[in-house]
Amino acid sequence: FVNEVDNSLANVAVEVALNYVKKNPQLGLSVDMMYVEGNRTDSKDLLQSLCSKYGESLNDNRPPHLLLDTTLTGVSSETVKSFSLALGIPTVSASYGQEGDLRQWRDLSPTKRGYLLQVMPPADMIPQVIRSIIIYMNITNAAILYDSTFVMDHKYKALLQNIPTRHVITSIADDRDRAGQIEKLRNLDINNFFVLGSLASIKQVLESAKNEYFERNFAWHVITQEQKDLTCNVENATIMFLRPMSDSSSKDRLGSIRTTYNLKQEPQITGFFYFDLTLRALIATKNILQSGSWPSNMKYITCEDYDGTNTPNHTIDLKTAFTEVTEPTTFGPFEIPKGGKVPFNGNTYMKFDMDINAVTIRSGASVNTRSLGTWEASLNAPINVANEAEIKNLTADVVYRVYTVVQAPFIMRDPTAPKGFKGYCIDLLNKIAEIVEFDYEIREVEDGKFGNMNENGEWNGIVRKLIDKQADIGLGSMSVMAERETVIDFTVPYYDLVGISIMMQLPSTPSSLFKFLTVLETNVWLCILAAYFFTSFLMWIFDRYSPYSYQNNREKYKNDDEKREFNIKECLWFCMTSLTPQGGGEAPKNLSGRLVAATWWLFGFIIIASYTANLAAFLTVSRLDTPVESLDDLSKQYKILYAPLNGSSAMTYFQRMADIEAKFYEIWKEMSLNDSLTAVERSKLAVWDYPVSDKYTKMWQAMLEAGLPNSLEEAVQRIRNSTSASGFAFLGDATDIRYQVLTNCDLQMVGEEFSRKPYAIAVQQGSPLKDQFNNAILMLLNRRELEKLKEQWWKNDDVQNKCEKPDDQSDGISIQNIGGVFIVIFVGIGMACITLLFEFWYYKYRTNAKVIDIVESSEQQQQHGTIVKNVRPAGKLVKQDSLKDTTKGQTLRTRTLMPNLSKFQPRF
């Protein structure tokens, strides 16, 4: 019997089995046991002990019929296997591992497979339930902690082989490091914990975890070989608890063995496994001996006689004898492969069931235990679920920590939204979450940065959060940059290549219906008006007092076609019409008046020509004012201030371009000042233009002098506060600028994009989310979902501001600028209509006049009197009476119209 120093339970169980054999003579067994104990890590001492004991037995003519091996794993177990294989000793091993894990017993010949047997202990089978749980619950990450009651060294590769679950298998740390161990596992983005161990170890692990690790986004599965209840001092937790159950048909036998032979050590399943295995191996060996199948000339060699090639050949069929044992088991039957296709070693184990319960603990007390199902121990058996809804409630919600930077329209704050944010990226992440099936909690990064590296190699912003494992996802308009890819991973781009562009204030040319009046300043218009009245008045004076004017020389011009008397009204009209293409008409007759008219004509010609030219230029130049159209234009001027956001990728671009120019300048300076160069070598450098370009150096210096805005809102405010369109220009991501232009009518995007980079979602380096998100994004791209999101957030009427169409150089003069002339027409026509109405009223509705017939007598005529006869109403024709002039002997026929006889007396 070979055992490890720390496996005391095997010693107890084997002793109980031997005691059981003694007390049950009907078994027909007589056992002479030799005991060898070794250290798991010291193969040399163990081998020496084996060889010594084995040599003694041969010398005493008591060669062993069977080697019972209860070493668990490691070099001690492999040493025993190597010993039995080399010397040809029939062996039953209870070591851990499947067939491929038994390195010394690999590729055994059929003969050796008959007497070199391995049966896996329960502690080697129980971890397989983790595989079944992960498959059933579709768990994507797991941390598996175990104590000394389990051996997991050989499980690292095989336990979750071919399952897409990121996992860590590690032993439970000691008391001082246990909390830190759980914290480190959490930092590895693990939220599913499996704890294998004794109830005491499980209790310590649960109490070491923070209370927040028992929230809905974490799941705890504790697995033990013991059969007692779970207890721990935690505030609020619901834990999946798995423990073995004995075979119901063997309960009476189990109870009898426990009480009669005092086999009460924990874990009971392991103790009874060793008991049943020992008893079964002894009975199988006895049956071979009794049946005569044991070789009569059994050959034995000592360790000293073994040379590597002289292993004795035996034909002992211990495997068949072991299978045919009918002795009832205590805890559970042995599962032995049937037929010869499945190897015995690595596939034989004790059958038992694991009870799966959900234990709810409040304030350190277990308040509820619910049965979820069972698991039948096997290498690949699924769990038998009795309460599917309840077991799903124990599944850890996949909740990822998302950090972002607010930048419309990708990320915008919205208190009414489920997560407090809305935007293009939020909709994108929600669609990915539907495909990958996860939830998330989103926070805004404190410094508002996506992430840049300083001179010391330290990062800030979202990149820092991902490096420190404080974030699972970096979301937003985050550019893929080479230096960022050295510390984090990016998914496939979710947005087209985006470059840096320029945003400026949109030149606003104020429109005015009377813009034609603004061509000349007010004082100019006043001077023109004064000149108009002065010239008109002067022309009237000259015409009135000149002896050669028409009104003072009527007889001379009585035969002329035009008889124009230049009174004050005619002078005003003449000067007015002289400024029009119609002309002023007939000029004054006198030379002095004509000189005044000629002077006015010359003045009017100059004024009209100047006004026309200025009006055309005024309406055209205002629409052609585009001071900056590209980055080169911006770099060549000094009037416009410009800068990118502080800490943005645009700032990094200009800073690094300036650094590159500085390095090239240093290289050029070093070469140009190198006196060791020959004339031929110096001539080869003549192709390098001088001076070295310092475009970005000057631009970076100008940016620093202008001051870098700390936020997009600050940059927009600085643009709006500019005194003109050339006050401040902002350099930033084209998508941000394009959105600002869509939502603000006073901004414009200038020039072409440069330094184009894609946008992608950032994840931790090596995170499995990268592949999951890549598949989801490509799926959305094939469905054209990304195009729909662009339409929603960039071209939706609810987003886009309704702005007036800016003036185009090819467009004509707008009605807003020339509409005043139509107002002049309408006002003039209106005044003419009012004048017409007044004239009509004055003529028709003036004070009634009366028509009288007057006959003057000669006496009265001499006295200058009047006689009024036949007074009739005005407007009627009256009979004409004769007035006789007695003085001259003539009769006068008169018809006098008198407006008001009470006030006026006609004179003749």
Foldseek 3Di string as FASTA:
>chain_A
DEEEPPPVLLVLLLVLLVVVCVVCCVLVDDDDDDYAYDHQADLPVSLVRVLVVQVVCVVVVNHDQEAEAEYEDHNNVLSVLLVCQLFVHQYEYAYADAQVRNVSCPPDDPQSLQRHFYAYEVLNQQLLQVLQVCVVLVAAEEEEEEEPVHDCPVVPDPSNDPRNHHYHYYYQDDQVCRLVVVVVVVLVVHQEYEYEYALVVVQSNVVSYDLVSQDQQHFYEYEYAADDDHFHQHAWHKHKYKYWAFDPVQAVVQVCSCVVSVSDDPPSSRSLQSNQSSNLLSSLSVVCVVVVVFDPPDDGDGPVPRDPPPHDRGNRRSVVSSVPDPDDGRGAAKDADPDDPDRRGRFIYGKTKMWIWIWIDHRRDTDDIGTQFMFIRGNNTHTGGPDVVVVNSSRRAAEFEEEEADFPQQWDADCVDPQRIDHLQVVVVVLLCVVLPHHYHYDYFDLRFCWDADPVRDIDDPLNCQQSSVGFWYGDQDFDDPVSCVFWDWAPFLDDWWFKFKKFWDFDDDFAQVLLVVLDDPVVVVVVVVVLLVLLVVLQVCQVPPCQWCVNPVVVCVPPPDRDRSHSVLSSQQLVQCLDPVHSPDFTRDPVRVVSVVVSNVVSVVVVVVSVVSVVCVLQVSQVPDQDFAPVSVLVDDQAQEAEAVNYVVLVVLVVVQVVLVVVQVVVVVVVPDPPDDPVRVVVCVVDDPPRDNSSVSNNVSRVVSDHHNDPVVQVVQSVPAPGRRYYMYMDIPVSSLLCVQQDVGMDIHYDGPPIGGGTMIGGVPDPVNVSSNVSSVVCVVVCVSVVSCCVRRVDPVRGDDYDDRDDSPDDRDSSHNVNVVVVVVVVVVVVVVVVVVVVCCVPVPQWWKKWEWADEQVVVVVQAIDTPDIDTPPDDDDWDWHANPVVGRIDTDIDIDRDPVVDDDTD
